[in-house]
Amino acid sequence: MPDTVEVTVRDFLGSVVTGFTGDVTVAVGTNPGGGTLSGTMTLAATSGVVNFTDLSIVGDGSGYDLTASTAAPGLIVTSSGFDVHPAPLVYVGNYQTVSAISAATNTVLATIDTDGLTTGVATTPDGTSVYVTNRLTNSVSAISTETNVEVANVGVGNWPQAVLITPDGTQVYVPNRFDQSVSVVSTETNTLVATVPVGVTPWALAITPDGQQVYVVNGNSDDVSVISPASNTVVPTVSVGLDPRAAAITPDGTQVYVTNSASSTVSVISTATNTVLATVEVGNGPGPIAITPWGPDGSR
């Protein structure tokens, strides 16, 4: 809801009634989430205007509205609709813990113990769970965002390097740096459901927006393994430059860009054919990569 709710008393011509100094009381009208209003709910008007600055509603829902009323002359009005949703939580991987930060207050709400050095953190699309890779114990921690408690610990391969969750939130992919494999964890059961052999030293992952293909960057075999989440098997393997390090996929899902550290190039892969369309020379030792949602002129 807005930070400040302003109520203005007007006459039938729409002019502010500057002489009105009576009390104005606000309350929840339409209440789709069963929310509770808190704060100072009754204030005296000054020159026909009241500003409520400390109101808050606890209760997730869309389509709330507020009513404002006066005892005399007995007026009541209804605000326009608004939505109430919890503030996002920020999860930070530390050495042997994960910190949960409230984006509303920028304070740490909880510190969750994990098994070891955190190498990756990802949240499910619905925001109910966080998955954390623990390098020292070759495991993945599943954390409930409701309780900020570890609800499961799943063993994976040797030296889990990162974590990726499919767009539908059903599967977690973890590249195991020293196992030449990718572990697949079900978010429904929090169990290991597949181990997919890939190239040497899998570093990083990227997934197409439709969730149909996972691209695994293999640093020491100079290639990219393409996994089908439907079967959790490698469909093709695509050769790229020397020592590939990272990958990013265009918003339309048609191209994958892979940085090749030792070649100082970027390989461009077509997701339709899984072949290299182009090799672009860049600066020395390229690593991280990101793609904008549209061009500088606003074109998509």
Protein backbone atom coordinates (compact mmCIF):
# COMPACT_ATOMS: atom_id res chain seq x y z
CA MET A 1 0.00 0.00 0.00
CA PRO A 2 1.17 3.64 -0.37
CA ASP A 3 3.62 5.03 2.20
CA THR A 4 1.19 7.89 2.88
CA VAL A 5 -2.60 7.73 2.66
CA GLU A 6 -4.12 11.20 2.15
CA VAL A 7 -7.79 11.90 2.81
CA THR A 8 -9.23 15.20 1.61
CA VAL A 9 -12.69 16.46 2.55
CA ARG A 10 -14.39 18.23 -0.39
CA ASP A 11 -17.75 19.85 -0.97
CA PHE A 12 -20.15 18.91 -3.76
CA LEU A 13 -18.31 21.25 -6.14
CA GLY A 14 -15.02 19.44 -5.49
CA SER A 15 -13.44 22.21 -3.44
CA VAL A 16 -11.48 21.39 -0.28
CA VAL A 17 -13.46 22.17 2.87
CA THR A 18 -10.66 24.05 4.60
CA GLY A 19 -12.75 24.68 7.68
CA PHE A 20 -13.14 20.98 8.46
CA THR A 21 -11.07 19.90 11.48
CA GLY A 22 -12.98 16.82 12.61
CA ASP A 23 -11.66 13.28 13.00
CA VAL A 24 -11.20 10.98 10.03
CA THR A 25 -11.00 7.21 10.55
CA VAL A 26 -9.64 4.72 8.04
CA ALA A 27 -10.39 0.99 7.93
CA VAL A 28 -9.98 -1.94 5.58
CA GLY A 29 -12.86 -2.19 3.13
CA THR A 30 -12.44 -4.99 0.61
CA ASN A 31 -10.18 -7.53 2.32
CA PRO A 32 -9.11 -10.31 -0.09
CA GLY A 33 -6.26 -11.53 2.10
CA GLY A 34 -7.89 -11.34 5.51
CA GLY A 35 -5.42 -8.60 6.33
CA THR A 36 -5.09 -6.61 9.52
CA LEU A 37 -4.62 -2.85 9.40
CA SER A 38 -2.24 -1.34 11.91
CA GLY A 39 -0.96 2.14 12.64
CA THR A 40 -2.74 5.34 13.61
CA MET A 41 -6.19 4.94 12.13
CA THR A 42 -7.94 8.08 13.43
CA LEU A 43 -6.54 11.58 13.01
CA ALA A 44 -7.95 15.12 13.10
CA ALA A 45 -8.03 16.98 9.83
CA THR A 46 -6.04 20.13 9.25
CA SER A 47 -7.73 22.49 6.80
CA GLY A 48 -9.75 19.57 5.45
CA VAL A 49 -6.80 17.25 4.85
CA VAL A 50 -5.47 14.24 6.80
CA ASN A 51 -2.24 12.34 6.07
CA PHE A 52 -1.89 8.84 7.53
CA THR A 53 1.82 8.00 7.42
CA ASP A 54 2.23 4.81 9.46
CA LEU A 55 -0.45 2.48 8.12
CA SER A 56 0.40 -1.10 7.17
CA ILE A 57 -1.52 -4.24 6.27
CA VAL A 58 -0.37 -7.77 7.03
CA GLY A 59 -2.07 -10.22 4.69
CA ASP A 60 -1.05 -11.14 1.15
CA GLY A 61 -3.76 -10.30 -1.39
CA SER A 62 -4.79 -8.40 -4.51
CA GLY A 63 -7.65 -5.88 -4.67
CA TYR A 64 -7.67 -4.34 -1.20
CA ASP A 65 -9.24 -0.96 -0.61
CA LEU A 66 -9.63 1.38 2.37
CA THR A 67 -12.61 3.30 3.66
CA ALA A 68 -12.38 6.75 5.24
CA SER A 69 -15.20 8.04 7.41
CA THR A 70 -16.12 11.00 9.60
CA ALA A 71 -18.42 10.97 12.64
CA ALA A 72 -19.96 14.28 11.64
CA PRO A 73 -21.36 14.92 9.14
CA GLY A 74 -21.25 11.12 8.73
CA LEU A 75 -19.37 10.79 5.45
CA ILE A 76 -17.73 7.60 4.13
CA VAL A 77 -15.64 7.09 0.99
CA THR A 78 -13.69 4.19 -0.51
CA SER A 79 -10.20 4.34 -1.95
CA SER A 80 -9.03 2.91 -5.23
CA GLY A 81 -7.82 -0.68 -5.11
CA PHE A 82 -4.30 -1.80 -4.30
CA ASP A 83 -2.34 -5.02 -3.71
CA VAL A 84 -0.43 -6.17 -0.64
CA HIS A 85 2.48 -8.56 -1.04
CA PRO A 86 5.32 -9.46 1.33
CA ALA A 87 8.62 -7.68 0.81
CA PRO A 88 11.21 -9.80 -1.01
CA LEU A 89 13.82 -11.70 0.96
CA VAL A 90 17.49 -11.57 -0.01
CA TYR A 91 19.57 -14.70 0.58
CA VAL A 92 23.34 -14.37 0.89
CA GLY A 93 25.69 -17.36 0.89
CA ASN A 94 28.47 -17.10 3.46
CA TYR A 95 31.24 -19.51 4.43
CA GLN A 96 29.11 -21.93 6.48
CA THR A 97 25.84 -20.02 6.76
CA VAL A 98 23.17 -18.28 4.70
CA SER A 99 21.87 -14.85 5.72
CA ALA A 100 18.22 -13.98 5.05
CA ILE A 101 17.72 -10.21 4.65
CA SER A 102 14.38 -8.38 4.55
CA ALA A 103 14.26 -6.02 1.56
CA ALA A 104 11.69 -3.93 3.46
CA THR A 105 13.92 -3.15 6.44
CA ASN A 106 17.38 -4.15 5.14
CA THR A 107 18.00 -6.15 8.29
CA VAL A 108 19.03 -9.78 8.75
CA LEU A 109 15.98 -11.84 9.70
CA ALA A 110 17.75 -15.15 10.12
CA THR A 111 21.09 -16.90 9.83
CA ILE A 112 20.81 -20.48 8.58
CA ASP A 113 23.59 -22.99 9.22
CA THR A 114 24.72 -24.98 6.19
CA ASP A 115 27.30 -27.68 5.62
CA GLY A 116 30.16 -25.79 4.09
CA LEU A 117 31.49 -23.23 1.67
CA THR A 118 28.56 -21.82 -0.32
CA THR A 119 29.18 -21.71 -4.07
CA GLY A 120 25.68 -20.99 -5.34
CA VAL A 121 22.28 -19.73 -4.21
CA ALA A 122 18.99 -19.84 -6.13
CA THR A 123 15.31 -19.43 -5.28
CA THR A 124 12.36 -21.27 -6.77
CA PRO A 125 10.14 -19.13 -9.02
CA ASP A 126 7.32 -19.18 -6.45
CA GLY A 127 9.71 -17.93 -3.75
CA THR A 128 8.99 -20.75 -1.31
CA SER A 129 12.41 -22.40 -1.29
CA VAL A 130 16.10 -21.57 -1.56
CA TYR A 131 18.72 -24.04 -2.76
CA VAL A 132 22.34 -23.65 -1.68
CA THR A 133 25.36 -25.61 -2.90
CA ASN A 134 27.89 -26.63 -0.22
CA ARG A 135 31.30 -27.24 -1.74
CA LEU A 136 33.05 -28.71 1.30
CA THR A 137 30.45 -31.43 1.91
CA ASN A 138 29.30 -32.09 -1.67
CA SER A 139 25.69 -31.34 -0.85
CA VAL A 140 22.75 -29.05 -1.54
CA SER A 141 20.73 -27.44 1.26
CA ALA A 142 17.02 -26.83 0.70
CA ILE A 143 15.76 -23.92 2.83
CA SER A 144 12.14 -22.94 3.46
CA THR A 145 11.63 -19.20 3.02
CA GLU A 146 8.62 -19.34 5.35
CA THR A 147 10.62 -20.62 8.33
CA ASN A 148 14.20 -19.90 7.20
CA VAL A 149 15.14 -23.42 8.26
CA GLU A 150 17.03 -26.05 6.27
CA VAL A 151 14.40 -28.68 5.44
CA ALA A 152 16.60 -31.07 3.48
CA ASN A 153 20.23 -31.79 2.67
CA VAL A 154 20.85 -33.66 -0.56
CA GLY A 155 24.14 -35.31 -1.49
CA VAL A 156 25.45 -34.45 -4.95
CA GLY A 157 28.73 -34.89 -6.81
CA ASN A 158 32.27 -33.80 -6.04
CA TRP A 159 32.73 -30.03 -5.59
CA PRO A 160 29.33 -28.57 -6.56
CA GLN A 161 30.06 -25.37 -8.40
CA ALA A 162 26.75 -23.56 -8.92
CA VAL A 163 22.97 -24.01 -8.82
CA LEU A 164 20.18 -23.42 -11.34
CA ILE A 165 16.42 -23.96 -11.02
CA THR A 166 14.13 -24.62 -13.98
CA PRO A 167 11.53 -21.94 -14.83
CA ASP A 168 8.71 -24.24 -13.70
CA GLY A 169 10.46 -24.73 -10.36
CA THR A 170 10.48 -28.53 -10.49
CA GLN A 171 14.18 -29.35 -10.88
CA VAL A 172 17.50 -28.09 -9.51
CA TYR A 173 20.67 -28.48 -11.59
CA VAL A 174 24.11 -28.57 -9.94
CA PRO A 175 27.38 -28.90 -11.92
CA ASN A 176 29.99 -30.97 -10.06
CA ARG A 177 33.37 -29.57 -10.93
CA PHE A 178 35.48 -32.68 -10.27
CA ASP A 179 32.94 -35.38 -11.20
CA GLN A 180 32.28 -34.48 -14.82
CA SER A 181 28.59 -34.57 -13.99
CA VAL A 182 25.48 -32.54 -13.24
CA SER A 183 23.25 -33.55 -10.34
CA VAL A 184 19.48 -33.11 -10.72
CA VAL A 185 17.37 -32.64 -7.59
CA SER A 186 13.57 -32.76 -7.48
CA THR A 187 12.08 -29.81 -5.60
CA GLU A 188 8.97 -31.86 -4.81
CA THR A 189 10.82 -34.60 -2.92
CA ASN A 190 14.19 -32.92 -2.31
CA THR A 191 15.93 -36.04 -3.54
CA LEU A 192 18.54 -36.73 -6.20
CA VAL A 193 16.67 -37.90 -9.30
CA ALA A 194 19.45 -38.01 -11.90
CA THR A 195 23.19 -37.69 -12.42
CA VAL A 196 24.03 -36.57 -15.95
CA PRO A 197 27.56 -37.17 -17.34
CA VAL A 198 28.95 -34.06 -19.01
CA GLY A 199 32.36 -32.72 -20.06
CA VAL A 200 35.44 -32.05 -17.98
CA THR A 201 35.21 -29.42 -15.23
CA PRO A 202 31.65 -28.15 -15.58
CA TRP A 203 31.76 -24.52 -14.46
CA ALA A 204 28.45 -22.86 -15.12
CA LEU A 205 24.87 -23.33 -16.27
CA ALA A 206 22.25 -21.46 -18.29
CA ILE A 207 18.71 -22.45 -19.22
CA THR A 208 16.45 -21.32 -22.03
CA PRO A 209 13.41 -19.23 -20.99
CA ASP A 210 11.06 -22.06 -21.96
CA GLY A 211 13.02 -24.48 -19.76
CA GLN A 212 13.61 -26.92 -22.61
CA GLN A 213 17.43 -26.88 -22.71
CA VAL A 214 20.13 -26.55 -20.04
CA TYR A 215 23.57 -25.48 -21.26
CA VAL A 216 26.54 -26.70 -19.20
CA VAL A 217 29.89 -24.98 -19.70
CA ASN A 218 32.77 -27.49 -19.45
CA GLY A 219 36.01 -25.61 -18.83
CA ASN A 220 38.60 -28.30 -19.48
CA SER A 221 37.01 -30.12 -22.40
CA ASP A 222 36.31 -26.92 -24.32
CA ASP A 223 32.69 -27.70 -24.99
CA VAL A 224 29.11 -27.19 -23.86
CA SER A 225 26.81 -30.06 -22.91
CA VAL A 226 23.13 -29.51 -23.74
CA ILE A 227 20.77 -31.31 -21.34
CA SER A 228 17.09 -31.94 -22.01
CA PRO A 229 15.23 -31.55 -18.67
CA ALA A 230 12.50 -33.84 -20.01
CA SER A 231 14.87 -36.82 -20.11
CA ASN A 232 17.87 -35.49 -18.14
CA THR A 233 20.21 -36.69 -20.86
CA VAL A 234 22.75 -34.82 -22.96
CA VAL A 235 21.21 -34.20 -26.35
CA PRO A 236 24.27 -32.82 -28.18
CA THR A 237 27.68 -31.57 -27.10
CA VAL A 238 28.86 -28.38 -28.79
CA SER A 239 32.57 -27.60 -29.22
CA VAL A 240 33.50 -24.00 -28.43
CA GLY A 241 36.74 -22.12 -27.72
CA LEU A 242 39.45 -22.84 -25.18
CA ASP A 243 38.60 -22.84 -21.46
CA PRO A 244 34.95 -21.74 -21.63
CA ARG A 245 33.82 -20.09 -18.39
CA ALA A 246 30.26 -18.77 -18.55
CA ALA A 247 27.11 -18.65 -20.66
CA ALA A 248 24.14 -16.34 -21.13
CA ILE A 249 21.00 -16.81 -23.22
CA THR A 250 19.15 -14.11 -25.15
CA PRO A 251 15.69 -13.16 -23.81
CA ASP A 252 13.99 -14.76 -26.81
CA GLY A 253 15.87 -17.99 -26.12
CA THR A 254 17.35 -18.30 -29.60
CA GLN A 255 21.07 -17.84 -28.90
CA VAL A 256 23.60 -18.80 -26.23
CA TYR A 257 26.75 -16.73 -25.72
CA VAL A 258 29.73 -18.58 -24.20
CA THR A 259 32.91 -16.86 -23.03
CA ASN A 260 36.17 -18.66 -23.85
CA SER A 261 38.87 -17.49 -21.44
CA ALA A 262 41.97 -18.91 -23.13
CA SER A 263 40.79 -18.05 -26.66
CA SER A 264 39.70 -14.51 -25.83
CA THR A 265 36.54 -15.16 -27.80
CA VAL A 266 32.79 -15.60 -27.40
CA SER A 267 31.04 -18.50 -29.12
CA VAL A 268 27.46 -17.89 -30.26
CA ILE A 269 25.31 -21.04 -30.30
CA SER A 270 21.92 -21.44 -31.95
CA THR A 271 19.44 -23.10 -29.59
CA ALA A 272 17.47 -24.40 -32.58
CA THR A 273 20.36 -26.37 -34.10
CA ASN A 274 22.89 -26.38 -31.20
CA THR A 275 25.66 -25.38 -33.58
CA VAL A 276 28.07 -22.44 -33.39
CA LEU A 277 26.77 -19.55 -35.47
CA ALA A 278 29.67 -17.16 -34.86
CA THR A 279 32.89 -16.67 -32.94
CA VAL A 280 33.50 -13.14 -31.70
CA GLU A 281 36.94 -11.90 -30.69
CA VAL A 282 36.92 -9.93 -27.42
CA GLY A 283 39.43 -8.85 -24.76
CA ASN A 284 41.85 -11.07 -22.88
CA GLY A 285 40.45 -13.75 -20.57
CA PRO A 286 36.70 -13.20 -20.89
CA GLY A 287 34.64 -14.62 -18.05
CA PRO A 288 31.31 -13.30 -16.72
CA ILE A 289 28.67 -12.35 -19.25
CA ALA A 290 25.23 -10.71 -19.20
CA ILE A 291 22.62 -9.81 -21.81
CA THR A 292 20.22 -6.85 -21.70
CA PRO A 293 16.49 -7.48 -22.22
CA TRP A 294 16.49 -5.08 -25.20
CA GLY A 295 18.74 -2.82 -27.25
CA PRO A 296 19.82 0.74 -26.32
CA ASP A 297 17.16 2.15 -28.66
CA GLY A 298 14.42 0.18 -26.91
CA SER A 299 14.08 -2.39 -29.69
CA ARG A 300 13.63 -6.00 -28.66
